């Protein structure tokens, strides 16, 4: 069963269970996948591939993370919580994400190989890390860890 079919089945299950919040999130995801497939000019009758579904789900998660952050900044914790609940629903349609520890371990291999000369090498490190973490880790989290690791590496090199 494809991810798209799983989403369709989960919408039906949520509908039968009366879980309107879950159904709503999944309906938005399904519509976004259909729109993305139309933009890519894919055959309307063909089932969207899992890679496309994952790409759209990652985009939807990112939107909700951004919204949750803005709600928290604006003092709307209740709305931020709602966005975070929606994120947890969407994460079920993504492959397991790398932990901070796994990303840091990867960086311990990459940073010495890049031959850092300073913080200006952030782009070089990010390019290599992004290749190995694409789809497996949130880019914002990766960037934060890279900055932290480069600073620590520069401190230890002094």
N, C-alpha and C. Protein backbone atom coordinates (compact mmCIF):
# COMPACT_ATOMS: atom_id res chain seq x y z
N UNK A 1 0.84 -1.18 0.00
CA UNK A 1 0.00 0.00 0.00
C UNK A 1 0.89 1.24 0.00
N UNK A 2 0.58 2.18 -0.88
CA UNK A 2 1.36 3.41 -0.96
C UNK A 2 0.99 4.33 0.20
N UNK A 3 1.83 5.33 0.39
CA UNK A 3 1.56 6.31 1.43
C UNK A 3 0.27 7.07 1.14
N UNK A 4 0.04 7.35 -0.12
CA UNK A 4 -1.17 8.07 -0.50
C UNK A 4 -2.41 7.25 -0.14
N UNK A 5 -2.37 5.96 -0.42
CA UNK A 5 -3.49 5.07 -0.07
C UNK A 5 -3.66 5.00 1.45
N UNK A 6 -2.55 5.00 2.16
CA UNK A 6 -2.60 4.99 3.62
C UNK A 6 -3.29 6.24 4.14
N UNK A 7 -2.97 7.38 3.55
CA UNK A 7 -3.62 8.64 3.95
C UNK A 7 -5.12 8.56 3.69
N UNK A 8 -5.50 8.06 2.51
CA UNK A 8 -6.93 7.93 2.20
C UNK A 8 -7.63 7.03 3.21
N UNK A 9 -7.01 5.90 3.56
CA UNK A 9 -7.61 4.98 4.54
C UNK A 9 -7.68 5.63 5.92
N UNK A 10 -6.64 6.39 6.28
CA UNK A 10 -6.61 7.04 7.59
C UNK A 10 -7.68 8.14 7.68
N UNK A 11 -7.97 8.78 6.56
CA UNK A 11 -9.04 9.79 6.53
C UNK A 11 -10.38 9.10 6.82
N UNK A 12 -10.61 7.97 6.17
CA UNK A 12 -11.85 7.22 6.39
C UNK A 12 -11.96 6.77 7.84
N UNK A 13 -10.86 6.27 8.40
CA UNK A 13 -10.84 5.81 9.79
C UNK A 13 -11.14 6.96 10.74
N UNK A 14 -10.51 8.12 10.50
CA UNK A 14 -10.74 9.29 11.34
C UNK A 14 -12.18 9.77 11.24
N UNK A 15 -12.73 9.69 10.05
CA UNK A 15 -14.12 10.09 9.83
C UNK A 15 -15.07 9.19 10.61
N UNK A 16 -14.83 7.88 10.54
CA UNK A 16 -15.68 6.92 11.27
C UNK A 16 -15.54 7.09 12.78
N UNK A 17 -14.33 7.43 13.23
CA UNK A 17 -14.08 7.59 14.66
C UNK A 17 -14.53 8.95 15.18
N UNK A 18 -14.89 9.85 14.28
CA UNK A 18 -15.31 11.19 14.71
C UNK A 18 -14.14 12.07 15.10
N UNK A 19 -12.94 11.72 14.65
CA UNK A 19 -11.73 12.48 14.95
C UNK A 19 -11.57 13.59 13.90
N UNK A 20 -12.28 14.69 14.12
CA UNK A 20 -12.30 15.76 13.12
C UNK A 20 -10.95 16.45 12.96
N UNK A 21 -10.20 16.56 14.05
CA UNK A 21 -8.89 17.22 13.97
C UNK A 21 -7.95 16.43 13.07
N UNK A 22 -7.88 15.13 13.28
CA UNK A 22 -7.01 14.27 12.47
C UNK A 22 -7.48 14.25 11.01
N UNK A 23 -8.78 14.12 10.82
CA UNK A 23 -9.34 14.09 9.47
C UNK A 23 -9.00 15.38 8.73
N UNK A 24 -9.11 16.49 9.41
CA UNK A 24 -8.84 17.79 8.81
C UNK A 24 -7.39 17.89 8.35
N UNK A 25 -6.46 17.49 9.19
CA UNK A 25 -5.04 17.55 8.84
C UNK A 25 -4.75 16.65 7.65
N UNK A 26 -5.32 15.45 7.67
CA UNK A 26 -5.06 14.50 6.59
C UNK A 26 -5.71 14.94 5.28
N UNK A 27 -6.86 15.59 5.36
CA UNK A 27 -7.51 16.10 4.16
C UNK A 27 -6.68 17.20 3.53
N UNK A 28 -6.11 18.06 4.36
CA UNK A 28 -5.23 19.12 3.86
C UNK A 28 -4.00 18.50 3.21
N UNK A 29 -3.44 17.48 3.84
CA UNK A 29 -2.26 16.80 3.30
C UNK A 29 -2.59 16.17 1.94
N UNK A 30 -3.71 15.49 1.88
CA UNK A 30 -4.12 14.83 0.63
C UNK A 30 -4.30 15.86 -0.48
N UNK A 31 -4.93 16.98 -0.18
CA UNK A 31 -5.14 18.03 -1.17
C UNK A 31 -3.81 18.63 -1.62
N UNK A 32 -2.90 18.82 -0.67
CA UNK A 32 -1.59 19.37 -1.02
C UNK A 32 -0.81 18.41 -1.92
N UNK A 33 -0.94 17.12 -1.66
CA UNK A 33 -0.28 16.12 -2.51
C UNK A 33 -0.87 16.16 -3.92
N UNK A 34 -2.19 16.23 -3.99
CA UNK A 34 -2.84 16.29 -5.32
C UNK A 34 -2.40 17.55 -6.08
N UNK A 35 -2.34 18.67 -5.38
CA UNK A 35 -1.92 19.92 -6.02
C UNK A 35 -0.48 19.82 -6.53
N UNK A 36 0.39 19.24 -5.71
CA UNK A 36 1.79 19.08 -6.09
C UNK A 36 1.90 18.16 -7.31
N UNK A 37 1.10 17.11 -7.33
CA UNK A 37 1.11 16.18 -8.46
C UNK A 37 0.62 16.89 -9.73
N UNK A 38 -0.38 17.74 -9.59
CA UNK A 38 -0.87 18.50 -10.75
C UNK A 38 0.18 19.49 -11.25
N UNK A 39 0.87 20.14 -10.32
CA UNK A 39 1.94 21.07 -10.69
C UNK A 39 3.04 20.35 -11.47
N UNK A 40 3.32 19.12 -11.04
CA UNK A 40 4.37 18.33 -11.69
C UNK A 40 3.85 17.67 -12.97
N UNK A 41 2.59 17.93 -13.28
CA UNK A 41 1.94 17.39 -14.47
C UNK A 41 1.97 15.86 -14.52
N UNK A 42 1.74 15.27 -13.35
CA UNK A 42 1.66 13.81 -13.28
C UNK A 42 0.30 13.35 -13.76
N UNK A 43 0.22 12.14 -14.19
CA UNK A 43 -1.03 11.55 -14.67
C UNK A 43 -2.06 11.59 -13.54
N UNK A 44 -3.23 12.14 -13.81
CA UNK A 44 -4.27 12.28 -12.78
C UNK A 44 -4.72 10.95 -12.23
N UNK A 45 -4.72 9.91 -13.06
CA UNK A 45 -5.19 8.60 -12.63
C UNK A 45 -4.12 7.87 -11.82
N UNK A 46 -2.87 8.24 -11.99
CA UNK A 46 -1.78 7.56 -11.29
C UNK A 46 -1.75 7.95 -9.82
N UNK A 47 -1.38 7.01 -8.99
CA UNK A 47 -1.24 7.24 -7.56
C UNK A 47 0.08 7.98 -7.32
N UNK A 48 0.06 9.09 -6.57
CA UNK A 48 1.31 9.81 -6.30
C UNK A 48 2.32 8.89 -5.59
N UNK A 49 3.57 9.02 -5.98
CA UNK A 49 4.63 8.20 -5.39
C UNK A 49 4.90 8.63 -3.96
N UNK A 50 5.46 7.70 -3.19
CA UNK A 50 5.76 7.97 -1.79
C UNK A 50 6.70 9.15 -1.61
N UNK A 51 7.67 9.30 -2.51
CA UNK A 51 8.62 10.42 -2.41
C UNK A 51 7.90 11.76 -2.48
N UNK A 52 6.91 11.86 -3.35
CA UNK A 52 6.13 13.09 -3.47
C UNK A 52 5.33 13.35 -2.21
N UNK A 53 4.72 12.31 -1.68
CA UNK A 53 3.93 12.43 -0.45
C UNK A 53 4.82 12.89 0.70
N UNK A 54 6.02 12.29 0.81
CA UNK A 54 6.95 12.67 1.88
C UNK A 54 7.40 14.12 1.72
N UNK A 55 7.67 14.54 0.50
CA UNK A 55 8.09 15.93 0.25
C UNK A 55 7.00 16.90 0.70
N UNK A 56 5.77 16.60 0.35
CA UNK A 56 4.65 17.48 0.72
C UNK A 56 4.45 17.45 2.24
N UNK A 57 4.55 16.28 2.84
CA UNK A 57 4.39 16.17 4.30
C UNK A 57 5.46 16.98 5.02
N UNK A 58 6.71 16.93 4.51
CA UNK A 58 7.79 17.73 5.12
C UNK A 58 7.47 19.21 5.02
N UNK A 59 6.95 19.64 3.88
CA UNK A 59 6.58 21.05 3.69
C UNK A 59 5.48 21.45 4.67
N UNK A 60 4.49 20.59 4.83
CA UNK A 60 3.39 20.87 5.76
C UNK A 60 3.89 20.93 7.21
N UNK A 61 4.82 20.06 7.56
CA UNK A 61 5.39 20.07 8.91
C UNK A 61 6.14 21.38 9.13
N UNK A 62 6.93 21.78 8.14
CA UNK A 62 7.69 23.03 8.27
C UNK A 62 6.75 24.22 8.45
N UNK A 63 5.67 24.27 7.68
CA UNK A 63 4.69 25.36 7.82
C UNK A 63 4.15 25.42 9.24
N UNK A 64 3.83 24.25 9.78
CA UNK A 64 3.25 24.21 11.12
C UNK A 64 4.27 24.55 12.20
N UNK A 65 5.52 24.14 11.99
CA UNK A 65 6.57 24.52 12.96
C UNK A 65 6.74 26.02 12.99
N UNK A 66 6.77 26.63 11.81
CA UNK A 66 6.89 28.08 11.73
C UNK A 66 5.70 28.76 12.41
N UNK A 67 4.51 28.27 12.13
CA UNK A 67 3.29 28.85 12.73
C UNK A 67 3.30 28.69 14.24
N UNK A 68 3.73 27.51 14.72
CA UNK A 68 3.77 27.28 16.17
C UNK A 68 4.74 28.25 16.84
N UNK A 69 5.88 28.48 16.20
CA UNK A 69 6.85 29.44 16.73
C UNK A 69 6.29 30.85 16.79
N UNK A 70 5.57 31.23 15.75
CA UNK A 70 4.97 32.56 15.73
C UNK A 70 3.88 32.69 16.78
N UNK A 71 3.09 31.63 16.93
CA UNK A 71 2.05 31.66 17.96
C UNK A 71 2.66 31.78 19.35
N UNK A 72 3.74 31.05 19.60
CA UNK A 72 4.39 31.12 20.91
C UNK A 72 4.93 32.52 21.16
N UNK A 73 5.54 33.11 20.14
CA UNK A 73 6.06 34.47 20.26
C UNK A 73 4.93 35.46 20.55
N UNK A 74 3.78 35.22 19.93
CA UNK A 74 2.63 36.10 20.11
C UNK A 74 1.82 35.81 21.37
N UNK A 75 2.28 34.85 22.18
CA UNK A 75 1.58 34.55 23.43
C UNK A 75 0.33 33.69 23.23
N UNK A 76 0.26 32.96 22.13
CA UNK A 76 -0.89 32.09 21.86
C UNK A 76 -0.47 30.63 21.98
N UNK A 77 -0.18 30.22 23.19
CA UNK A 77 0.24 28.85 23.45
C UNK A 77 -0.77 27.80 23.03
N UNK A 78 -2.06 28.15 23.13
CA UNK A 78 -3.11 27.21 22.74
C UNK A 78 -3.05 26.90 21.25
N UNK A 79 -2.84 27.92 20.44
CA UNK A 79 -2.75 27.73 19.00
C UNK A 79 -1.46 27.00 18.63
N UNK A 80 -0.38 27.30 19.35
CA UNK A 80 0.89 26.61 19.11
C UNK A 80 0.74 25.12 19.41
N UNK A 81 0.02 24.80 20.47
CA UNK A 81 -0.23 23.40 20.83
C UNK A 81 -1.02 22.69 19.74
N UNK A 82 -1.98 23.37 19.16
CA UNK A 82 -2.78 22.79 18.07
C UNK A 82 -1.89 22.49 16.87
N UNK A 83 -1.00 23.42 16.54
CA UNK A 83 -0.07 23.21 15.42
C UNK A 83 0.84 22.01 15.71
N UNK A 84 1.29 21.89 16.94
CA UNK A 84 2.17 20.78 17.31
C UNK A 84 1.44 19.44 17.24
N UNK A 85 0.16 19.43 17.57
CA UNK A 85 -0.64 18.20 17.43
C UNK A 85 -0.73 17.81 15.96
N UNK A 86 -0.92 18.80 15.11
CA UNK A 86 -0.99 18.54 13.68
C UNK A 86 0.35 18.00 13.16
N UNK A 87 1.45 18.53 13.70
CA UNK A 87 2.77 18.04 13.31
C UNK A 87 2.91 16.56 13.66
N UNK A 88 2.43 16.17 14.83
CA UNK A 88 2.55 14.77 15.24
C UNK A 88 1.75 13.85 14.31
N UNK A 89 0.62 14.33 13.79
CA UNK A 89 -0.16 13.54 12.83
C UNK A 89 0.64 13.40 11.53
N UNK A 90 1.22 14.49 11.06
CA UNK A 90 1.95 14.48 9.79
C UNK A 90 3.24 13.66 9.86
N UNK A 91 3.88 13.64 11.02
CA UNK A 91 5.15 12.92 11.17
C UNK A 91 4.99 11.42 10.92
N UNK A 92 3.78 10.90 11.07
CA UNK A 92 3.54 9.48 10.83
C UNK A 92 3.74 9.11 9.37
N UNK A 93 3.74 10.09 8.48
CA UNK A 93 3.88 9.84 7.05
C UNK A 93 5.28 10.16 6.54
N UNK A 94 6.19 10.37 7.47
CA UNK A 94 7.59 10.64 7.12
C UNK A 94 8.47 9.53 7.66
N UNK A 95 9.63 9.31 7.02
CA UNK A 95 10.54 8.30 7.57
C UNK A 95 11.06 8.77 8.94
N UNK A 96 11.54 7.85 9.76
CA UNK A 96 12.06 8.25 11.07
C UNK A 96 13.13 9.33 10.92
N UNK A 97 13.04 10.33 11.78
CA UNK A 97 13.97 11.46 11.72
C UNK A 97 15.22 11.17 12.55
N UNK A 98 16.33 11.72 12.11
CA UNK A 98 17.59 11.56 12.83
C UNK A 98 17.52 12.36 14.13
N UNK A 99 18.15 11.82 15.16
CA UNK A 99 18.22 12.53 16.44
C UNK A 99 19.39 13.50 16.41
N UNK A 100 19.42 14.39 17.39
CA UNK A 100 20.53 15.34 17.48
C UNK A 100 21.85 14.59 17.64
N UNK A 101 21.83 13.52 18.41
CA UNK A 101 23.04 12.74 18.64
C UNK A 101 23.56 12.14 17.34
N UNK A 102 22.65 11.63 16.50
CA UNK A 102 23.05 11.07 15.20
C UNK A 102 23.62 12.14 14.28
N UNK A 103 23.01 13.31 14.31
CA UNK A 103 23.50 14.41 13.47
C UNK A 103 24.88 14.86 13.96
N UNK A 104 25.05 14.96 15.27
CA UNK A 104 26.34 15.35 15.82
C UNK A 104 27.42 14.33 15.48
N UNK A 105 27.08 13.04 15.52
CA UNK A 105 28.04 12.00 15.15
C UNK A 105 28.45 12.14 13.69
N UNK A 106 27.50 12.43 12.84
CA UNK A 106 27.78 12.64 11.42
C UNK A 106 28.71 13.85 11.24
N UNK A 107 28.46 14.89 12.00
CA UNK A 107 29.29 16.10 11.90
C UNK A 107 30.72 15.85 12.38
N UNK A 108 30.87 14.96 13.38
CA UNK A 108 32.22 14.65 13.85
C UNK A 108 33.06 14.00 12.75
N UNK A 109 32.41 13.38 11.78
CA UNK A 109 33.12 12.81 10.63
C UNK A 109 33.36 13.87 9.56
N UNK A 110 32.37 14.73 9.34
CA UNK A 110 32.42 15.68 8.22
C UNK A 110 33.32 16.87 8.51
N UNK A 111 33.21 17.46 9.68
CA UNK A 111 33.93 18.71 9.99
C UNK A 111 35.45 18.55 9.83
N UNK A 112 36.09 17.53 10.38
CA UNK A 112 37.54 17.42 10.17
C UNK A 112 37.92 17.22 8.69
N UNK A 113 37.06 16.56 7.93
CA UNK A 113 37.35 16.32 6.51
C UNK A 113 37.26 17.60 5.68
N UNK A 114 36.49 18.57 6.13
CA UNK A 114 36.31 19.81 5.39
C UNK A 114 37.51 20.74 5.56
N UNK A 115 38.31 20.54 6.59
CA UNK A 115 39.46 21.40 6.89
C UNK A 115 38.99 22.84 7.10
N UNK A 116 38.26 23.02 8.19
CA UNK A 116 37.69 24.33 8.51
C UNK A 116 38.77 25.38 8.72
N UNK A 117 38.48 26.56 8.22
CA UNK A 117 39.36 27.69 8.48
C UNK A 117 38.63 28.76 9.29
N UNK A 118 37.36 28.53 9.54
CA UNK A 118 36.58 29.48 10.32
C UNK A 118 35.09 29.26 10.11
N UNK A 119 34.33 30.17 10.69
CA UNK A 119 32.87 30.06 10.60
C UNK A 119 32.37 30.29 9.17
N UNK A 120 33.21 30.85 8.34
CA UNK A 120 32.80 31.09 6.95
C UNK A 120 32.64 29.79 6.17
N UNK A 121 33.12 28.69 6.72
CA UNK A 121 33.00 27.38 6.06
C UNK A 121 31.68 26.69 6.38
N UNK A 122 30.77 27.41 6.99
CA UNK A 122 29.46 26.86 7.32
C UNK A 122 28.80 26.24 6.08
N UNK A 123 28.85 26.94 4.97
CA UNK A 123 28.22 26.47 3.73
C UNK A 123 28.80 25.16 3.24
N UNK A 124 30.12 25.02 3.36
CA UNK A 124 30.77 23.77 2.93
C UNK A 124 30.28 22.59 3.76
N UNK A 125 30.19 22.81 5.06
CA UNK A 125 29.75 21.74 5.96
C UNK A 125 28.28 21.43 5.70
N UNK A 126 27.45 22.47 5.58
CA UNK A 126 26.02 22.27 5.35
C UNK A 126 25.77 21.50 4.05
N UNK A 127 26.54 21.79 3.02
CA UNK A 127 26.36 21.10 1.74
C UNK A 127 26.55 19.59 1.91
N UNK A 128 27.58 19.21 2.64
CA UNK A 128 27.84 17.78 2.84
C UNK A 128 26.83 17.14 3.78
N UNK A 129 26.48 17.86 4.84
CA UNK A 129 25.52 17.31 5.80
C UNK A 129 24.15 17.15 5.16
N UNK A 130 23.75 18.14 4.37
CA UNK A 130 22.44 18.10 3.72
C UNK A 130 22.31 16.90 2.81
N UNK A 131 23.38 16.55 2.11
CA UNK A 131 23.35 15.37 1.24
C UNK A 131 23.04 14.10 2.03
N UNK A 132 23.57 14.02 3.24
CA UNK A 132 23.42 12.80 4.04
C UNK A 132 22.19 12.79 4.93
N UNK A 133 21.58 13.96 5.13
CA UNK A 133 20.42 14.02 6.03
C UNK A 133 19.12 14.36 5.31
N UNK A 134 19.17 14.56 4.00
CA UNK A 134 17.98 14.98 3.25
C UNK A 134 16.81 14.02 3.51
N UNK A 135 15.72 14.59 3.98
CA UNK A 135 14.53 13.79 4.26
C UNK A 135 14.57 13.07 5.60
N UNK A 136 15.73 13.08 6.24
CA UNK A 136 15.87 12.36 7.50
C UNK A 136 16.00 13.29 8.70
N UNK A 137 16.14 14.59 8.44
CA UNK A 137 16.30 15.54 9.54
C UNK A 137 15.80 16.91 9.10
N UNK A 138 15.29 17.66 10.06
CA UNK A 138 14.81 19.02 9.81
C UNK A 138 16.01 19.92 9.53
N UNK A 139 15.96 20.65 8.43
CA UNK A 139 17.07 21.50 8.02
C UNK A 139 17.42 22.58 9.03
N UNK A 140 16.43 23.13 9.70
CA UNK A 140 16.68 24.16 10.71
C UNK A 140 17.46 23.58 11.87
N UNK A 141 17.07 22.40 12.31
CA UNK A 141 17.77 21.73 13.40
C UNK A 141 19.20 21.41 12.98
N UNK A 142 19.38 20.92 11.78
CA UNK A 142 20.71 20.59 11.28
C UNK A 142 21.58 21.84 11.27
N UNK A 143 21.05 22.96 10.78
CA UNK A 143 21.81 24.21 10.72
C UNK A 143 22.23 24.67 12.12
N UNK A 144 21.33 24.55 13.09
CA UNK A 144 21.67 24.93 14.47
C UNK A 144 22.80 24.07 15.01
N UNK A 145 22.72 22.77 14.76
CA UNK A 145 23.75 21.86 15.26
C UNK A 145 25.08 22.12 14.55
N UNK A 146 25.03 22.38 13.25
CA UNK A 146 26.26 22.67 12.50
C UNK A 146 26.94 23.92 13.07
N UNK A 147 26.16 24.98 13.29
CA UNK A 147 26.73 26.20 13.87
C UNK A 147 27.39 25.92 15.21
N UNK A 148 26.66 25.18 16.06
CA UNK A 148 27.17 24.85 17.39
C UNK A 148 28.46 24.02 17.29
N UNK A 149 28.50 23.05 16.39
CA UNK A 149 29.67 22.17 16.25
C UNK A 149 30.85 22.93 15.66
N UNK A 150 30.60 23.82 14.70
CA UNK A 150 31.70 24.59 14.11
C UNK A 150 32.31 25.51 15.17
N UNK A 151 31.46 26.14 15.98
CA UNK A 151 31.97 27.00 17.04
C UNK A 151 32.80 26.20 18.03
N UNK A 152 32.32 25.02 18.40
CA UNK A 152 33.06 24.16 19.34
C UNK A 152 34.36 23.69 18.72
N UNK A 153 34.34 23.35 17.45
CA UNK A 153 35.55 22.90 16.76
C UNK A 153 36.58 24.01 16.71
N UNK A 154 36.12 25.22 16.40
CA UNK A 154 37.04 26.38 16.34
C UNK A 154 37.63 26.67 17.71
N UNK A 155 36.84 26.52 18.76
CA UNK A 155 37.35 26.74 20.13
C UNK A 155 38.41 25.72 20.48
N UNK A 156 38.19 24.47 20.12
CA UNK A 156 39.14 23.41 20.46
C UNK A 156 40.41 23.50 19.61
N UNK A 157 40.30 24.12 18.43
CA UNK A 157 41.45 24.25 17.54
C UNK A 157 42.39 25.37 17.98
N UNK A 158 41.89 26.26 18.82
CA UNK A 158 42.72 27.40 19.26
C UNK A 158 43.73 27.00 20.27
